[in-house]
Amino acid sequence: MSVLPKARAIDRTMWPKSREKDSLQEFVRLVVNSGLVQADVLNEVSAAVHSAVEPSNAARWDRLGLLADALVARGALTNWQCNKLREGRWRGFFLGPSKLLEYAGVTDSEGIYLAEEIYLHRRVHLYVSPCGKHASPCPDRHIADGVQFRVVEVD
């Protein structure tokens, strides 16, 4: 079974084609620094992408795009996480005991994220609002990393 996807789902408009090797190394460095993907999974997917692309066709193939697509197809990253990594952002994917998966939207004063609780392996919605001197603490809210959030379980 191949880990390479058949369709591309990630926006690559900002990935430079002329510096593909540098941008590929930068993307791998950002993935490692983010802590989203375990090293053995990253090595396995990277080796599969490397073996799938022949050296003679290397100029025609977008190795960075193939690696990102393979990580998404494997379930190691989401499209939202890939796009944030592409923008150079590798921090902020974890909030307390939760890993942020997708940005779901915004209410009047809260950002909503789809997240996965690391230890319980369940999907939840996080309603995130900034902590400030005017923010009133509520009993159903948690404070971590300078933000106040509440957890709502996804049905």
C-alpha atoms as a PDB file:
ATOM      1  CA  MET A   1       0.000   0.000   0.000  1.00  0.00           C
ATOM      2  CA  SER A   2       1.414   3.338  -1.027  1.00  0.00           C
ATOM      3  CA  VAL A   3       1.367   6.330   1.302  1.00  0.00           C
ATOM      4  CA  LEU A   4       1.292   8.742  -1.639  1.00  0.00           C
ATOM      5  CA  PRO A   5      -2.111  10.343  -2.240  1.00  0.00           C
ATOM      6  CA  LYS A   6      -3.750  10.591  -5.651  1.00  0.00           C
ATOM      7  CA  ALA A   7      -5.111  14.113  -5.304  1.00  0.00           C
ATOM      8  CA  ARG A   8      -3.518  17.266  -3.991  1.00  0.00           C
ATOM      9  CA  ALA A   9      -5.481  19.090  -1.315  1.00  0.00           C
ATOM     10  CA  ILE A  10      -2.951  21.628  -0.041  1.00  0.00           C
ATOM     11  CA  ASP A  11      -2.518  25.176  -1.312  1.00  0.00           C
ATOM     12  CA  ARG A  12       1.073  25.549  -2.506  1.00  0.00           C
ATOM     13  CA  THR A  13       0.989  29.058  -3.917  1.00  0.00           C
ATOM     14  CA  MET A  14       3.633  30.307  -1.483  1.00  0.00           C
ATOM     15  CA  TRP A  15       6.125  27.444  -1.874  1.00  0.00           C
ATOM     16  CA  PRO A  16       9.082  28.572  -3.984  1.00  0.00           C
ATOM     17  CA  LYS A  17       9.935  26.213  -6.853  1.00  0.00           C
ATOM     18  CA  SER A  18      13.424  27.630  -7.460  1.00  0.00           C
ATOM     19  CA  ARG A  19      14.642  26.825  -3.935  1.00  0.00           C
ATOM     20  CA  GLU A  20      12.894  23.474  -3.634  1.00  0.00           C
ATOM     21  CA  LYS A  21      15.713  21.733  -1.766  1.00  0.00           C
ATOM     22  CA  ASP A  22      16.022  24.563   0.764  1.00  0.00           C
ATOM     23  CA  SER A  23      12.272  24.812   1.222  1.00  0.00           C
ATOM     24  CA  LEU A  24      11.990  21.020   1.634  1.00  0.00           C
ATOM     25  CA  GLN A  25      14.650  21.054   4.352  1.00  0.00           C
ATOM     26  CA  GLU A  26      12.953  24.056   5.970  1.00  0.00           C
ATOM     27  CA  PHE A  27       9.566  22.308   5.920  1.00  0.00           C
ATOM     28  CA  VAL A  28      11.046  19.172   7.520  1.00  0.00           C
ATOM     29  CA  ARG A  29      12.746  21.338  10.173  1.00  0.00           C
ATOM     30  CA  LEU A  30       9.450  23.082  10.960  1.00  0.00           C
ATOM     31  CA  VAL A  31       7.603  19.747  11.205  1.00  0.00           C
ATOM     32  CA  VAL A  32      10.229  18.434  13.632  1.00  0.00           C
ATOM     33  CA  ASN A  33      10.218  21.639  15.711  1.00  0.00           C
ATOM     34  CA  SER A  34       6.424  21.677  15.926  1.00  0.00           C
ATOM     35  CA  GLY A  35       6.295  18.254  17.567  1.00  0.00           C
ATOM     36  CA  LEU A  36       3.252  17.279  15.505  1.00  0.00           C
ATOM     37  CA  VAL A  37       4.808  14.248  13.809  1.00  0.00           C
ATOM     38  CA  GLN A  38       6.942  11.577  15.445  1.00  0.00           C
ATOM     39  CA  ALA A  39      10.409  11.132  13.953  1.00  0.00           C
ATOM     40  CA  ASP A  40       9.854   7.527  12.864  1.00  0.00           C
ATOM     41  CA  VAL A  41       6.658   8.447  10.966  1.00  0.00           C
ATOM     42  CA  LEU A  42       8.387  11.397   9.296  1.00  0.00           C
ATOM     43  CA  ASN A  43      11.357   9.215   8.273  1.00  0.00           C
ATOM     44  CA  GLU A  44       9.061   6.504   6.894  1.00  0.00           C
ATOM     45  CA  VAL A  45       6.964   8.912   4.833  1.00  0.00           C
ATOM     46  CA  SER A  46      10.038  10.827   3.659  1.00  0.00           C
ATOM     47  CA  ALA A  47      11.705   7.585   2.515  1.00  0.00           C
ATOM     48  CA  ALA A  48       8.543   6.559   0.637  1.00  0.00           C
ATOM     49  CA  VAL A  49       8.403   9.923  -1.145  1.00  0.00           C
ATOM     50  CA  HIS A  50      12.129   9.790  -1.930  1.00  0.00           C
ATOM     51  CA  SER A  51      11.872   6.284  -3.402  1.00  0.00           C
ATOM     52  CA  ALA A  52       8.742   7.183  -5.413  1.00  0.00           C
ATOM     53  CA  VAL A  53      10.474  10.051  -7.218  1.00  0.00           C
ATOM     54  CA  GLU A  54      13.146   8.998  -9.684  1.00  0.00           C
ATOM     55  CA  PRO A  55      16.265  11.204  -9.805  1.00  0.00           C
ATOM     56  CA  SER A  56      15.808  11.781 -13.550  1.00  0.00           C
ATOM     57  CA  ASN A  57      12.335  13.210 -12.953  1.00  0.00           C
ATOM     58  CA  ALA A  58      13.293  15.186  -9.829  1.00  0.00           C
ATOM     59  CA  ALA A  59      13.003  18.529 -11.614  1.00  0.00           C
ATOM     60  CA  ARG A  60       9.425  17.785 -12.676  1.00  0.00           C
ATOM     61  CA  TRP A  61       8.171  16.615  -9.293  1.00  0.00           C
ATOM     62  CA  ASP A  62       7.420  18.812  -6.361  1.00  0.00           C
ATOM     63  CA  ARG A  63       9.021  16.804  -3.526  1.00  0.00           C
ATOM     64  CA  LEU A  64       7.811  19.239  -0.881  1.00  0.00           C
ATOM     65  CA  GLY A  65       4.257  18.936  -2.127  1.00  0.00           C
ATOM     66  CA  LEU A  66       4.480  15.152  -2.276  1.00  0.00           C
ATOM     67  CA  LEU A  67       5.839  15.001   1.273  1.00  0.00           C
ATOM     68  CA  ALA A  68       3.091  17.288   2.585  1.00  0.00           C
ATOM     69  CA  ASP A  69       0.398  15.316   0.734  1.00  0.00           C
ATOM     70  CA  ALA A  70       1.786  12.026   2.048  1.00  0.00           C
ATOM     71  CA  LEU A  71       1.786  13.329   5.640  1.00  0.00           C
ATOM     72  CA  VAL A  72      -1.831  14.453   5.251  1.00  0.00           C
ATOM     73  CA  ALA A  73      -2.831  11.133   3.644  1.00  0.00           C
ATOM     74  CA  ARG A  74      -1.149   9.241   6.482  1.00  0.00           C
ATOM     75  CA  GLY A  75      -3.115  11.290   9.015  1.00  0.00           C
ATOM     76  CA  ALA A  76       0.028  12.711  10.603  1.00  0.00           C
ATOM     77  CA  LEU A  77      -0.918  16.315   9.699  1.00  0.00           C
ATOM     78  CA  THR A  78      -4.065  18.161   8.672  1.00  0.00           C
ATOM     79  CA  ASN A  79      -4.332  20.597   5.757  1.00  0.00           C
ATOM     80  CA  TRP A  80      -4.604  23.482   8.234  1.00  0.00           C
ATOM     81  CA  GLN A  81      -1.416  22.397  10.015  1.00  0.00           C
ATOM     82  CA  CYS A  82       0.423  22.027   6.674  1.00  0.00           C
ATOM     83  CA  ASN A  83      -0.609  25.506   5.597  1.00  0.00           C
ATOM     84  CA  LYS A  84       0.563  26.986   8.925  1.00  0.00           C
ATOM     85  CA  LEU A  85       3.890  25.158   8.603  1.00  0.00           C
ATOM     86  CA  ARG A  86       4.204  26.431   5.034  1.00  0.00           C
ATOM     87  CA  GLU A  87       3.785  29.972   6.371  1.00  0.00           C
ATOM     88  CA  GLY A  88       6.717  29.315   8.717  1.00  0.00           C
ATOM     89  CA  ARG A  89       4.624  28.928  11.870  1.00  0.00           C
ATOM     90  CA  TRP A  90       5.605  25.958  13.997  1.00  0.00           C
ATOM     91  CA  ARG A  91       4.446  27.109  17.437  1.00  0.00           C
ATOM     92  CA  GLY A  92       0.961  27.164  18.858  1.00  0.00           C
ATOM     93  CA  PHE A  93      -0.284  23.746  17.771  1.00  0.00           C
ATOM     94  CA  PHE A  94      -0.729  22.620  21.382  1.00  0.00           C
ATOM     95  CA  LEU A  95      -2.922  24.231  24.015  1.00  0.00           C
ATOM     96  CA  GLY A  96      -2.802  22.595  27.411  1.00  0.00           C
ATOM     97  CA  PRO A  97      -3.376  18.877  26.918  1.00  0.00           C
ATOM     98  CA  SER A  98      -4.841  19.348  23.417  1.00  0.00           C
ATOM     99  CA  LYS A  99      -3.398  19.322  19.904  1.00  0.00           C
ATOM    100  CA  LEU A 100      -5.068  21.817  17.544  1.00  0.00           C
ATOM    101  CA  LEU A 101      -6.214  20.149  14.317  1.00  0.00           C
ATOM    102  CA  GLU A 102      -8.316  22.723  12.469  1.00  0.00           C
ATOM    103  CA  TYR A 103      -9.546  26.282  12.839  1.00  0.00           C
ATOM    104  CA  ALA A 104     -13.345  26.015  12.959  1.00  0.00           C
ATOM    105  CA  GLY A 105     -14.350  29.681  13.159  1.00  0.00           C
ATOM    106  CA  VAL A 106     -14.969  32.566  15.490  1.00  0.00           C
ATOM    107  CA  THR A 107     -17.808  33.765  17.714  1.00  0.00           C
ATOM    108  CA  ASP A 108     -18.153  37.247  19.231  1.00  0.00           C
ATOM    109  CA  SER A 109     -15.116  36.939  21.478  1.00  0.00           C
ATOM    110  CA  GLU A 110     -13.843  33.377  21.056  1.00  0.00           C
ATOM    111  CA  GLY A 111     -11.921  31.454  18.435  1.00  0.00           C
ATOM    112  CA  ILE A 112     -13.117  27.893  17.885  1.00  0.00           C
ATOM    113  CA  TYR A 113     -10.689  25.074  17.099  1.00  0.00           C
ATOM    114  CA  LEU A 114     -11.150  21.384  16.485  1.00  0.00           C
ATOM    115  CA  ALA A 115      -8.619  19.647  18.707  1.00  0.00           C
ATOM    116  CA  GLU A 116      -7.611  16.235  19.948  1.00  0.00           C
ATOM    117  CA  GLU A 117      -6.921  15.594  23.594  1.00  0.00           C
ATOM    118  CA  ILE A 118      -3.474  14.019  23.719  1.00  0.00           C
ATOM    119  CA  TYR A 119      -4.009  11.553  26.538  1.00  0.00           C
ATOM    120  CA  LEU A 120      -7.652  10.621  25.997  1.00  0.00           C
ATOM    121  CA  HIS A 121      -7.485  10.564  22.170  1.00  0.00           C
ATOM    122  CA  ARG A 122     -10.885  12.177  21.767  1.00  0.00           C
ATOM    123  CA  ARG A 123     -11.903  15.051  19.548  1.00  0.00           C
ATOM    124  CA  VAL A 124     -13.141  18.230  21.180  1.00  0.00           C
ATOM    125  CA  HIS A 125     -13.955  21.820  20.281  1.00  0.00           C
ATOM    126  CA  LEU A 126     -11.865  24.426  22.089  1.00  0.00           C
ATOM    127  CA  TYR A 127     -13.425  27.849  22.583  1.00  0.00           C
ATOM    128  CA  VAL A 128     -10.423  30.122  23.081  1.00  0.00           C
ATOM    129  CA  SER A 129     -10.480  33.687  24.396  1.00  0.00           C
ATOM    130  CA  PRO A 130      -7.550  35.865  25.454  1.00  0.00           C
ATOM    131  CA  CYS A 131      -6.751  36.326  29.135  1.00  0.00           C
ATOM    132  CA  GLY A 132      -6.797  39.908  30.189  1.00  0.00           C
ATOM    133  CA  LYS A 133      -7.452  41.932  33.270  1.00  0.00           C
ATOM    134  CA  HIS A 134     -11.093  42.236  32.210  1.00  0.00           C
ATOM    135  CA  ALA A 135     -11.555  38.516  31.490  1.00  0.00           C
ATOM    136  CA  SER A 136     -13.748  37.003  34.154  1.00  0.00           C
ATOM    137  CA  PRO A 137     -12.730  33.526  35.258  1.00  0.00           C
ATOM    138  CA  CYS A 138     -15.511  30.971  34.898  1.00  0.00           C
ATOM    139  CA  PRO A 139     -15.628  27.592  36.609  1.00  0.00           C
ATOM    140  CA  ASP A 140     -15.855  25.730  33.287  1.00  0.00           C
ATOM    141  CA  ARG A 141     -12.787  27.436  31.793  1.00  0.00           C
ATOM    142  CA  HIS A 142      -9.125  26.502  31.903  1.00  0.00           C
ATOM    143  CA  ILE A 143      -6.110  28.780  31.609  1.00  0.00           C
ATOM    144  CA  ALA A 144      -2.969  27.672  29.770  1.00  0.00           C
ATOM    145  CA  ASP A 145      -0.316  29.414  27.675  1.00  0.00           C
ATOM    146  CA  GLY A 146      -1.789  32.860  28.314  1.00  0.00           C
ATOM    147  CA  VAL A 147      -5.256  32.088  26.983  1.00  0.00           C
ATOM    148  CA  GLN A 148      -8.496  31.055  28.585  1.00  0.00           C
ATOM    149  CA  PHE A 149     -10.356  28.168  26.976  1.00  0.00           C
ATOM    150  CA  ARG A 150     -13.251  25.809  27.531  1.00  0.00           C
ATOM    151  CA  VAL A 151     -13.596  22.295  26.160  1.00  0.00           C
ATOM    152  CA  VAL A 152     -16.745  20.993  24.498  1.00  0.00           C
ATOM    153  CA  GLU A 153     -16.799  17.348  23.441  1.00  0.00           C
ATOM    154  CA  VAL A 154     -17.590  16.635  19.788  1.00  0.00           C
ATOM    155  CA  ASP A 155     -20.553  14.303  19.312  1.00  0.00           C
END
